[in-house]
Amino acid sequence: TFLALLLEPPQEQFTPCRGRCHANPLRTRAMCPDSP
């Protein structure tokens, strides 16, 4: 997770989406969208 934070371009804003939690599919969570 530290690696992912480090690699994101500085101009990339925090714009989360909602997605199903893998551990608990009944819940949705804020997630960063797919990125390189």
Full PDB file with SEQRES, HELIX, SHEET, SSBOND, CRYST1, ORIGX, SCALE, CONECT and MASTER records, all heavy atoms in Angstrom:
SEQRES   1 A   36  THR PHE LEU ALA LEU LEU LEU GLU PRO PRO GLN GLU GLN          
SEQRES   2 A   36  PHE THR PRO CYS ARG GLY ARG CYS HIS ALA ASN PRO LEU          
SEQRES   3 A   36  ARG THR ARG ALA MET CYS PRO ASP SER PRO                      
HELIX    1 AA1 PHE A    2  LEU A    7  1                                   6    
SHEET    1 AA1 2 CYS A  17  ARG A  20  0                                        
SHEET    2 AA1 2 THR A  28  MET A  31 -1                                        
CRYST1    1.000    1.000    1.000  90.00  90.00  90.00 P 1           1          
ORIGX1      1.000000  0.000000  0.000000        0.00000                         
ORIGX2      0.000000  1.000000  0.000000        0.00000                         
ORIGX3      0.000000  0.000000  1.000000        0.00000                         
SCALE1      1.000000  0.000000  0.000000        0.00000                         
SCALE2      0.000000  1.000000  0.000000        0.00000                         
SCALE3      0.000000  0.000000  1.000000        0.00000                         
ATOM      1  N   THR A   1       0.845  -1.197   0.000  1.00  0.00           N  
ATOM      2  CA  THR A   1       0.000   0.000   0.000  1.00  0.00           C  
ATOM      3  C   THR A   1       0.880   1.247   0.000  1.00  0.00           C  
ATOM      4  O   THR A   1       0.593   2.230  -0.703  1.00  0.00           O  
ATOM      5  CB  THR A   1      -0.929  -0.004   1.224  1.00  0.00           C  
ATOM      6  OG1 THR A   1      -1.703  -1.205   1.227  1.00  0.00           O  
ATOM      7  CG2 THR A   1      -1.865   1.193   1.196  1.00  0.00           C  
ATOM      8  N   PHE A   2       1.954   1.224   0.770  1.00  0.00           N  
ATOM      9  CA  PHE A   2       2.935   2.315   0.740  1.00  0.00           C  
ATOM     10  C   PHE A   2       3.497   2.487  -0.667  1.00  0.00           C  
ATOM     11  O   PHE A   2       3.635   3.622  -1.162  1.00  0.00           O  
ATOM     12  CB  PHE A   2       4.064   2.011   1.733  1.00  0.00           C  
ATOM     13  CG  PHE A   2       5.228   2.959   1.660  1.00  0.00           C  
ATOM     14  CD1 PHE A   2       5.164   4.212   2.240  1.00  0.00           C  
ATOM     15  CD2 PHE A   2       6.397   2.586   1.012  1.00  0.00           C  
ATOM     16  CE1 PHE A   2       6.236   5.097   2.171  1.00  0.00           C  
ATOM     17  CE2 PHE A   2       7.480   3.463   0.938  1.00  0.00           C  
ATOM     18  CZ  PHE A   2       7.391   4.721   1.517  1.00  0.00           C  
ATOM     19  N   LEU A   3       3.800   1.381  -1.331  1.00  0.00           N  
ATOM     20  CA  LEU A   3       4.321   1.446  -2.697  1.00  0.00           C  
ATOM     21  C   LEU A   3       3.314   2.112  -3.632  1.00  0.00           C  
ATOM     22  O   LEU A   3       3.684   2.962  -4.450  1.00  0.00           O  
ATOM     23  CB  LEU A   3       4.658   0.037  -3.185  1.00  0.00           C  
ATOM     24  CG  LEU A   3       5.132  -0.091  -4.632  1.00  0.00           C  
ATOM     25  CD1 LEU A   3       6.437   0.670  -4.848  1.00  0.00           C  
ATOM     26  CD2 LEU A   3       5.300  -1.568  -5.011  1.00  0.00           C  
ATOM     27  N   ALA A   4       2.036   1.738  -3.518  1.00  0.00           N  
ATOM     28  CA  ALA A   4       1.006   2.336  -4.370  1.00  0.00           C  
ATOM     29  C   ALA A   4       0.894   3.840  -4.131  1.00  0.00           C  
ATOM     30  O   ALA A   4       0.773   4.628  -5.079  1.00  0.00           O  
ATOM     31  CB  ALA A   4      -0.339   1.653  -4.120  1.00  0.00           C  
ATOM     32  N   LEU A   5       0.932   4.264  -2.875  1.00  0.00           N  
ATOM     33  CA  LEU A   5       0.883   5.693  -2.559  1.00  0.00           C  
ATOM     34  C   LEU A   5       2.077   6.433  -3.156  1.00  0.00           C  
ATOM     35  O   LEU A   5       1.944   7.545  -3.679  1.00  0.00           O  
ATOM     36  CB  LEU A   5       0.861   5.889  -1.044  1.00  0.00           C  
ATOM     37  CG  LEU A   5      -0.429   5.519  -0.318  1.00  0.00           C  
ATOM     38  CD1 LEU A   5      -0.164   5.362   1.181  1.00  0.00           C  
ATOM     39  CD2 LEU A   5      -1.503   6.578  -0.551  1.00  0.00           C  
ATOM     40  N   LEU A   6       3.238   5.813  -3.080  1.00  0.00           N  
ATOM     41  CA  LEU A   6       4.462   6.442  -3.572  1.00  0.00           C  
ATOM     42  C   LEU A   6       4.422   6.619  -5.084  1.00  0.00           C  
ATOM     43  O   LEU A   6       4.895   7.635  -5.617  1.00  0.00           O  
ATOM     44  CB  LEU A   6       5.665   5.587  -3.170  1.00  0.00           C  
ATOM     45  CG  LEU A   6       7.053   6.173  -3.399  1.00  0.00           C  
ATOM     46  CD1 LEU A   6       7.352   7.246  -2.357  1.00  0.00           C  
ATOM     47  CD2 LEU A   6       8.110   5.066  -3.324  1.00  0.00           C  
ATOM     48  N   LEU A   7       3.852   5.652  -5.798  1.00  0.00           N  
ATOM     49  CA  LEU A   7       3.921   5.637  -7.261  1.00  0.00           C  
ATOM     50  C   LEU A   7       2.863   6.494  -7.949  1.00  0.00           C  
ATOM     51  O   LEU A   7       2.993   6.790  -9.140  1.00  0.00           O  
ATOM     52  CB  LEU A   7       3.797   4.191  -7.771  1.00  0.00           C  
ATOM     53  CG  LEU A   7       4.916   3.227  -7.371  1.00  0.00           C  
ATOM     54  CD1 LEU A   7       4.667   1.849  -7.973  1.00  0.00           C  
ATOM     55  CD2 LEU A   7       6.283   3.753  -7.801  1.00  0.00           C  
ATOM     56  N   GLU A   8       1.819   6.892  -7.238  1.00  0.00           N  
ATOM     57  CA  GLU A   8       0.783   7.706  -7.875  1.00  0.00           C  
ATOM     58  C   GLU A   8       1.362   9.053  -8.324  1.00  0.00           C  
ATOM     59  O   GLU A   8       2.095   9.692  -7.574  1.00  0.00           O  
ATOM     60  CB  GLU A   8      -0.384   7.950  -6.911  1.00  0.00           C  
ATOM     61  CG  GLU A   8      -1.295   6.756  -6.720  1.00  0.00           C  
ATOM     62  CD  GLU A   8      -2.192   6.479  -7.915  1.00  0.00           C  
ATOM     63  OE1 GLU A   8      -2.090   7.196  -8.938  1.00  0.00           O  
ATOM     64  OE2 GLU A   8      -2.988   5.538  -7.826  1.00  0.00           O  
ATOM     65  N   PRO A   9       1.057   9.508  -9.538  1.00  0.00           N  
ATOM     66  CA  PRO A   9       1.552  10.815  -9.997  1.00  0.00           C  
ATOM     67  C   PRO A   9       1.050  11.936  -9.095  1.00  0.00           C  
ATOM     68  O   PRO A   9      -0.065  11.864  -8.559  1.00  0.00           O  
ATOM     69  CB  PRO A   9       0.958  10.940 -11.407  1.00  0.00           C  
ATOM     70  CG  PRO A   9       0.630   9.535 -11.822  1.00  0.00           C  
ATOM     71  CD  PRO A   9       0.268   8.812 -10.563  1.00  0.00           C  
ATOM     72  N   PRO A  10       1.846  12.987  -8.917  1.00  0.00           N  
ATOM     73  CA  PRO A  10       1.450  14.065  -7.992  1.00  0.00           C  
ATOM     74  C   PRO A  10       0.184  14.795  -8.427  1.00  0.00           C  
ATOM     75  O   PRO A  10      -0.540  15.331  -7.590  1.00  0.00           O  
ATOM     76  CB  PRO A  10       2.663  15.003  -7.988  1.00  0.00           C  
ATOM     77  CG  PRO A  10       3.410  14.673  -9.246  1.00  0.00           C  
ATOM     78  CD  PRO A  10       3.184  13.220  -9.495  1.00  0.00           C  
ATOM     79  N   GLN A  11      -0.092  14.802  -9.717  1.00  0.00           N  
ATOM     80  CA  GLN A  11      -1.283  15.490 -10.195  1.00  0.00           C  
ATOM     81  C   GLN A  11      -2.555  14.663 -10.026  1.00  0.00           C  
ATOM     82  O   GLN A  11      -3.661  15.168 -10.226  1.00  0.00           O  
ATOM     83  CB  GLN A  11      -1.131  15.876 -11.676  1.00  0.00           C  
ATOM     84  CG  GLN A  11      -1.087  14.703 -12.644  1.00  0.00           C  
ATOM     85  CD  GLN A  11       0.319  14.148 -12.835  1.00  0.00           C  
ATOM     86  OE1 GLN A  11       1.217  14.446 -12.053  1.00  0.00           O  
ATOM     87  NE2 GLN A  11       0.508  13.367 -13.882  1.00  0.00           N  
ATOM     88  N   GLU A  12      -2.414  13.397  -9.647  1.00  0.00           N  
ATOM     89  CA  GLU A  12      -3.578  12.530  -9.478  1.00  0.00           C  
ATOM     90  C   GLU A  12      -4.323  12.906  -8.198  1.00  0.00           C  
ATOM     91  O   GLU A  12      -3.802  12.778  -7.096  1.00  0.00           O  
ATOM     92  CB  GLU A  12      -3.131  11.062  -9.404  1.00  0.00           C  
ATOM     93  CG  GLU A  12      -4.260  10.060  -9.432  1.00  0.00           C  
ATOM     94  CD  GLU A  12      -4.935   9.980 -10.787  1.00  0.00           C  
ATOM     95  OE1 GLU A  12      -4.265  10.216 -11.813  1.00  0.00           O  
ATOM     96  OE2 GLU A  12      -6.141   9.693 -10.807  1.00  0.00           O  
ATOM     97  N   GLN A  13      -5.553  13.362  -8.343  1.00  0.00           N  
ATOM     98  CA  GLN A  13      -6.347  13.777  -7.191  1.00  0.00           C  
ATOM     99  C   GLN A  13      -7.008  12.572  -6.523  1.00  0.00           C  
ATOM    100  O   GLN A  13      -7.150  11.500  -7.128  1.00  0.00           O  
ATOM    101  CB  GLN A  13      -7.416  14.789  -7.617  1.00  0.00           C  
ATOM    102  CG  GLN A  13      -6.853  16.080  -8.162  1.00  0.00           C  
ATOM    103  CD  GLN A  13      -5.988  16.807  -7.143  1.00  0.00           C  
ATOM    104  OE1 GLN A  13      -6.395  17.021  -5.999  1.00  0.00           O  
ATOM    105  NE2 GLN A  13      -4.778  17.174  -7.538  1.00  0.00           N  
ATOM    106  N   PHE A  14      -7.401  12.765  -5.283  1.00  0.00           N  
ATOM    107  CA  PHE A  14      -8.095  11.698  -4.550  1.00  0.00           C  
ATOM    108  C   PHE A  14      -9.578  11.752  -4.895  1.00  0.00           C  
ATOM    109  O   PHE A  14     -10.321  12.589  -4.385  1.00  0.00           O  
ATOM    110  CB  PHE A  14      -7.859  11.868  -3.049  1.00  0.00           C  
ATOM    111  CG  PHE A  14      -8.617  10.881  -2.194  1.00  0.00           C  
ATOM    112  CD1 PHE A  14      -8.712   9.551  -2.557  1.00  0.00           C  
ATOM    113  CD2 PHE A  14      -9.230  11.303  -1.020  1.00  0.00           C  
ATOM    114  CE1 PHE A  14      -9.404   8.636  -1.765  1.00  0.00           C  
ATOM    115  CE2 PHE A  14      -9.928  10.398  -0.220  1.00  0.00           C  
ATOM    116  CZ  PHE A  14     -10.008   9.073  -0.594  1.00  0.00           C  
ATOM    117  N   THR A  15      -9.989  10.869  -5.794  1.00  0.00           N  
ATOM    118  CA  THR A  15     -11.388  10.808  -6.227  1.00  0.00           C  
ATOM    119  C   THR A  15     -11.868   9.368  -6.090  1.00  0.00           C  
ATOM    120  O   THR A  15     -11.880   8.610  -7.067  1.00  0.00           O  
ATOM    121  CB  THR A  15     -11.533  11.278  -7.678  1.00  0.00           C  
ATOM    122  OG1 THR A  15     -10.611  10.546  -8.510  1.00  0.00           O  
ATOM    123  CG2 THR A  15     -11.255  12.759  -7.804  1.00  0.00           C  
ATOM    124  N   PRO A  16     -12.234   8.953  -4.882  1.00  0.00           N  
ATOM    125  CA  PRO A  16     -12.583   7.543  -4.668  1.00  0.00           C  
ATOM    126  C   PRO A  16     -13.914   7.182  -5.321  1.00  0.00           C  
ATOM    127  O   PRO A  16     -14.769   8.022  -5.568  1.00  0.00           O  
ATOM    128  CB  PRO A  16     -12.674   7.444  -3.148  1.00  0.00           C  
ATOM    129  CG  PRO A  16     -13.051   8.824  -2.707  1.00  0.00           C  
ATOM    130  CD  PRO A  16     -12.356   9.756  -3.659  1.00  0.00           C  
ATOM    131  N   CYS A  17     -14.051   5.886  -5.600  1.00  0.00           N  
ATOM    132  CA  CYS A  17     -15.313   5.328  -6.054  1.00  0.00           C  
ATOM    133  C   CYS A  17     -15.798   4.369  -4.968  1.00  0.00           C  
ATOM    134  O   CYS A  17     -15.133   4.175  -3.956  1.00  0.00           O  
ATOM    135  CB  CYS A  17     -15.144   4.604  -7.385  1.00  0.00           C  
ATOM    136  SG  CYS A  17     -13.915   3.270  -7.346  1.00  0.00           S  
ATOM    137  N   ARG A  18     -16.945   3.779  -5.166  1.00  0.00           N  
ATOM    138  CA  ARG A  18     -17.482   2.793  -4.220  1.00  0.00           C  
ATOM    139  C   ARG A  18     -17.374   1.406  -4.836  1.00  0.00           C  
ATOM    140  O   ARG A  18     -17.593   1.223  -6.035  1.00  0.00           O  
ATOM    141  CB  ARG A  18     -18.935   3.083  -3.871  1.00  0.00           C  
ATOM    142  CG  ARG A  18     -19.208   4.436  -3.273  1.00  0.00           C  
ATOM    143  CD  ARG A  18     -18.607   4.642  -1.914  1.00  0.00           C  
ATOM    144  NE  ARG A  18     -19.145   3.744  -0.909  1.00  0.00           N  
ATOM    145  CZ  ARG A  18     -18.815   3.786   0.388  1.00  0.00           C  
ATOM    146  NH1 ARG A  18     -17.929   4.692   0.806  1.00  0.00           N  
ATOM    147  NH2 ARG A  18     -19.350   2.956   1.256  1.00  0.00           N  
ATOM    148  N   GLY A  19     -17.022   0.429  -4.016  1.00  0.00           N  
ATOM    149  CA  GLY A  19     -16.917  -0.937  -4.497  1.00  0.00           C  
ATOM    150  C   GLY A  19     -17.230  -1.930  -3.404  1.00  0.00           C  
ATOM    151  O   GLY A  19     -17.168  -1.601  -2.210  1.00  0.00           O  
ATOM    152  N   ARG A  20     -17.562  -3.151  -3.798  1.00  0.00           N  
ATOM    153  CA  ARG A  20     -17.839  -4.217  -2.841  1.00  0.00           C  
ATOM    154  C   ARG A  20     -16.561  -4.665  -2.144  1.00  0.00           C  
ATOM    155  O   ARG A  20     -15.533  -4.874  -2.774  1.00  0.00           O  
ATOM    156  CB  ARG A  20     -18.471  -5.423  -3.549  1.00  0.00           C  
ATOM    157  CG  ARG A  20     -19.859  -5.156  -4.113  1.00  0.00           C  
ATOM    158  CD  ARG A  20     -20.891  -5.130  -3.022  1.00  0.00           C  
ATOM    159  NE  ARG A  20     -22.217  -4.770  -3.538  1.00  0.00           N  
ATOM    160  CZ  ARG A  20     -23.277  -4.570  -2.765  1.00  0.00           C  
ATOM    161  NH1 ARG A  20     -23.172  -4.684  -1.451  1.00  0.00           N  
ATOM    162  NH2 ARG A  20     -24.437  -4.239  -3.295  1.00  0.00           N  
ATOM    163  N   CYS A  21     -16.660  -4.812  -0.829  1.00  0.00           N  
ATOM    164  CA  CYS A  21     -15.523  -5.291  -0.041  1.00  0.00           C  
ATOM    165  C   CYS A  21     -15.295  -6.768  -0.329  1.00  0.00           C  
ATOM    166  O   CYS A  21     -16.245  -7.568  -0.309  1.00  0.00           O  
ATOM    167  CB  CYS A  21     -15.793  -5.059   1.442  1.00  0.00           C  
ATOM    168  SG  CYS A  21     -14.509  -5.712   2.541  1.00  0.00           S  
ATOM    169  N   HIS A  22     -14.047  -7.151  -0.569  1.00  0.00           N  
ATOM    170  CA  HIS A  22     -13.749  -8.558  -0.835  1.00  0.00           C  
ATOM    171  C   HIS A  22     -13.991  -9.410   0.405  1.00  0.00           C  
ATOM    172  O   HIS A  22     -14.492 -10.527   0.308  1.00  0.00           O  
ATOM    173  CB  HIS A  22     -12.294  -8.701  -1.287  1.00  0.00           C  
ATOM    174  CG  HIS A  22     -11.886 -10.117  -1.551  1.00  0.00           C  
ATOM    175  ND1 HIS A  22     -12.266 -10.800  -2.690  1.00  0.00           N  
ATOM    176  CD2 HIS A  22     -11.151 -10.998  -0.817  1.00  0.00           C  
ATOM    177  CE1 HIS A  22     -11.770 -12.024  -2.645  1.00  0.00           C  
ATOM    178  NE2 HIS A  22     -11.085 -12.163  -1.527  1.00  0.00           N  
ATOM    179  N   ALA A  23     -13.653  -8.882   1.573  1.00  0.00           N  
ATOM    180  CA  ALA A  23     -13.815  -9.659   2.807  1.00  0.00           C  
ATOM    181  C   ALA A  23     -15.273  -9.768   3.229  1.00  0.00           C  
ATOM    182  O   ALA A  23     -15.678 -10.761   3.832  1.00  0.00           O  
ATOM    183  CB  ALA A  23     -12.984  -9.041   3.929  1.00  0.00           C  
ATOM    184  N   ASN A  24     -16.058  -8.730   2.919  1.00  0.00           N  
ATOM    185  CA  ASN A  24     -17.478  -8.724   3.281  1.00  0.00           C  
ATOM    186  C   ASN A  24     -18.272  -8.139   2.113  1.00  0.00           C  
ATOM    187  O   ASN A  24     -18.496  -6.923   2.061  1.00  0.00           O  
ATOM    188  CB  ASN A  24     -17.701  -7.905   4.550  1.00  0.00           C  
ATOM    189  CG  ASN A  24     -19.156  -7.935   5.014  1.00  0.00           C  
ATOM    190  OD1 ASN A  24     -20.006  -8.577   4.386  1.00  0.00           O  
ATOM    191  ND2 ASN A  24     -19.441  -7.243   6.099  1.00  0.00           N  
ATOM    192  N   PRO A  25     -18.713  -8.979   1.165  1.00  0.00           N  
ATOM    193  CA  PRO A  25     -19.392  -8.483  -0.042  1.00  0.00           C  
ATOM    194  C   PRO A  25     -20.690  -7.739   0.237  1.00  0.00           C  
ATOM    195  O   PRO A  25     -21.219  -7.082  -0.657  1.00  0.00           O  
ATOM    196  CB  PRO A  25     -19.653  -9.766  -0.849  1.00  0.00           C  
ATOM    197  CG  PRO A  25     -18.680 -10.763  -0.323  1.00  0.00           C  
ATOM    198  CD  PRO A  25     -18.508 -10.436   1.121  1.00  0.00           C  
ATOM    199  N   LEU A  26     -21.227  -7.845   1.454  1.00  0.00           N  
ATOM    200  CA  LEU A  26     -22.447  -7.123   1.784  1.00  0.00           C  
ATOM    201  C   LEU A  26     -22.190  -5.642   2.028  1.00  0.00           C  
ATOM    202  O   LEU A  26     -23.143  -4.864   2.106  1.00  0.00           O  
ATOM    203  CB  LEU A  26     -23.110  -7.747   3.021  1.00  0.00           C  
ATOM    204  CG  LEU A  26     -23.571  -9.209   2.875  1.00  0.00           C  
ATOM    205  CD1 LEU A  26     -24.164  -9.698   4.186  1.00  0.00           C  
ATOM    206  CD2 LEU A  26     -24.570  -9.350   1.739  1.00  0.00           C  
ATOM    207  N   ARG A  27     -20.934  -5.268   2.172  1.00  0.00           N  
ATOM    208  CA  ARG A  27     -20.585  -3.875   2.439  1.00  0.00           C  
ATOM    209  C   ARG A  27     -19.900  -3.252   1.233  1.00  0.00           C  
ATOM    210  O   ARG A  27     -19.199  -3.944   0.472  1.00  0.00           O  
ATOM    211  CB  ARG A  27     -19.654  -3.780   3.644  1.00  0.00           C  
ATOM    212  CG  ARG A  27     -20.244  -4.272   4.946  1.00  0.00           C  
ATOM    213  CD  ARG A  27     -19.307  -4.009   6.092  1.00  0.00           C  
ATOM    214  NE  ARG A  27     -19.058  -2.586   6.279  1.00  0.00           N  
ATOM    215  CZ  ARG A  27     -18.239  -2.081   7.189  1.00  0.00           C  
ATOM    216  NH1 ARG A  27     -17.574  -2.889   8.008  1.00  0.00           N  
ATOM    217  NH2 ARG A  27     -18.055  -0.785   7.311  1.00  0.00           N  
ATOM    218  N   THR A  28     -20.114  -1.965   1.040  1.00  0.00           N  
ATOM    219  CA  THR A  28     -19.354  -1.217   0.044  1.00  0.00           C  
ATOM    220  C   THR A  28     -18.383  -0.287   0.761  1.00  0.00           C  
ATOM    221  O   THR A  28     -18.645   0.161   1.877  1.00  0.00           O  
ATOM    222  CB  THR A  28     -20.282  -0.393  -0.869  1.00  0.00           C  
ATOM    223  OG1 THR A  28     -21.003   0.554  -0.077  1.00  0.00           O  
ATOM    224  CG2 THR A  28     -21.247  -1.301  -1.609  1.00  0.00           C  
ATOM    225  N   ARG A  29     -17.268  -0.020   0.105  1.00  0.00           N  
ATOM    226  CA  ARG A  29     -16.236   0.828   0.700  1.00  0.00           C  
ATOM    227  C   ARG A  29     -15.738   1.834  -0.330  1.00  0.00           C  
ATOM    228  O   ARG A  29     -15.813   1.592  -1.540  1.00  0.00           O  
ATOM    229  CB  ARG A  29     -15.061  -0.018   1.201  1.00  0.00           C  
ATOM    230  CG  ARG A  29     -15.402  -0.948   2.349  1.00  0.00           C  
ATOM    231  CD  ARG A  29     -14.160  -1.643   2.869  1.00  0.00           C  
ATOM    232  NE  ARG A  29     -14.443  -2.547   3.953  1.00  0.00           N  
ATOM    233  CZ  ARG A  29     -14.560  -2.196   5.230  1.00  0.00           C  
ATOM    234  NH1 ARG A  29     -14.409  -0.923   5.571  1.00  0.00           N  
ATOM    235  NH2 ARG A  29     -14.807  -3.092   6.160  1.00  0.00           N  
ATOM    236  N   ALA A  30     -15.198   2.927   0.179  1.00  0.00           N  
ATOM    237  CA  ALA A  30     -14.529   3.889  -0.695  1.00  0.00           C  
ATOM    238  C   ALA A  30     -13.202   3.293  -1.157  1.00  0.00           C  
ATOM    239  O   ALA A  30     -12.432   2.776  -0.341  1.00  0.00           O  
ATOM    240  CB  ALA A  30     -14.293   5.201   0.044  1.00  0.00           C  
ATOM    241  N   MET A  31     -12.954   3.332  -2.464  1.00  0.00           N  
ATOM    242  CA  MET A  31     -11.737   2.746  -3.031  1.00  0.00           C  
ATOM    243  C   MET A  31     -11.162   3.684  -4.076  1.00  0.00           C  
ATOM    244  O   MET A  31     -11.907   4.330  -4.813  1.00  0.00           O  
ATOM    245  CB  MET A  31     -12.053   1.408  -3.710  1.00  0.00           C  
ATOM    246  CG  MET A  31     -12.656   0.356  -2.821  1.00  0.00           C  
ATOM    247  SD  MET A  31     -13.036  -1.145  -3.767  1.00  0.00           S  
ATOM    248  CE  MET A  31     -13.722  -2.179  -2.451  1.00  0.00           C  
ATOM    249  N   CYS A  32      -9.838   3.730  -4.146  1.00  0.00           N  
ATOM    250  CA  CYS A  32      -9.216   4.452  -5.240  1.00  0.00           C  
ATOM    251  C   CYS A  32      -9.458   3.672  -6.536  1.00  0.00           C  
ATOM    252  O   CYS A  32      -9.336   2.443  -6.553  1.00  0.00           O  
ATOM    253  CB  CYS A  32      -7.718   4.607  -5.001  1.00  0.00           C  
ATOM    254  SG  CYS A  32      -7.314   5.806  -3.712  1.00  0.00           S  
ATOM    255  N   PRO A  33      -9.812   4.342  -7.609  1.00  0.00           N  
ATOM    256  CA  PRO A  33     -10.052   3.633  -8.876  1.00  0.00           C  
ATOM    257  C   PRO A  33      -8.761   3.042  -9.421  1.00  0.00           C  
ATOM    258  O   PRO A  33      -7.656   3.411  -9.017  1.00  0.00           O  
ATOM    259  CB  PRO A  33     -10.605   4.733  -9.792  1.00  0.00           C  
ATOM    260  CG  PRO A  33     -10.130   6.013  -9.206  1.00  0.00           C  
ATOM    261  CD  PRO A  33     -10.039   5.798  -7.724  1.00  0.00           C  
ATOM    262  N   ASP A  34      -8.915   2.110 -10.356  1.00  0.00           N  
ATOM    263  CA  ASP A  34      -7.756   1.455 -10.954  1.00  0.00           C  
ATOM    264  C   ASP A  34      -6.800   2.478 -11.556  1.00  0.00           C  
ATOM    265  O   ASP A  34      -7.219   3.497 -12.123  1.00  0.00           O  
ATOM    266  CB  ASP A  34      -8.206   0.485 -12.044  1.00  0.00           C  
ATOM    267  CG  ASP A  34      -9.013  -0.681 -11.485  1.00  0.00           C  
ATOM    268  OD1 ASP A  34      -8.885  -0.948 -10.274  1.00  0.00           O  
ATOM    269  OD2 ASP A  34      -9.767  -1.309 -12.248  1.00  0.00           O  
ATOM    270  N   SER A  35      -5.516   2.202 -11.422  1.00  0.00           N  
ATOM    271  CA  SER A  35      -4.494   3.111 -11.936  1.00  0.00           C  
ATOM    272  C   SER A  35      -3.217   2.315 -12.177  1.00  0.00           C  
ATOM    273  O   SER A  35      -3.046   1.217 -11.642  1.00  0.00           O  
ATOM    274  CB  SER A  35      -4.217   4.224 -10.920  1.00  0.00           C  
ATOM    275  OG  SER A  35      -3.589   3.704  -9.759  1.00  0.00           O  
ATOM    276  N   PRO A  36      -2.295   2.847 -12.990  1.00  0.00           N  
ATOM    277  CA  PRO A  36      -1.011   2.162 -13.178  1.00  0.00           C  
ATOM    278  C   PRO A  36      -0.249   1.939 -11.874  1.00  0.00           C  
ATOM    279  O   PRO A  36       0.455   0.934 -11.728  1.00  0.00           O  
ATOM    280  CB  PRO A  36      -0.248   3.102 -14.124  1.00  0.00           C  
ATOM    281  CG  PRO A  36      -1.323   3.808 -14.883  1.00  0.00           C  
ATOM    282  CD  PRO A  36      -2.439   3.999 -13.897  1.00  0.00           C  
TER     283      PRO A  36                                                      
MASTER        0    0    0    1    2    0    0    6  282    1    0    3          
END                                                                             
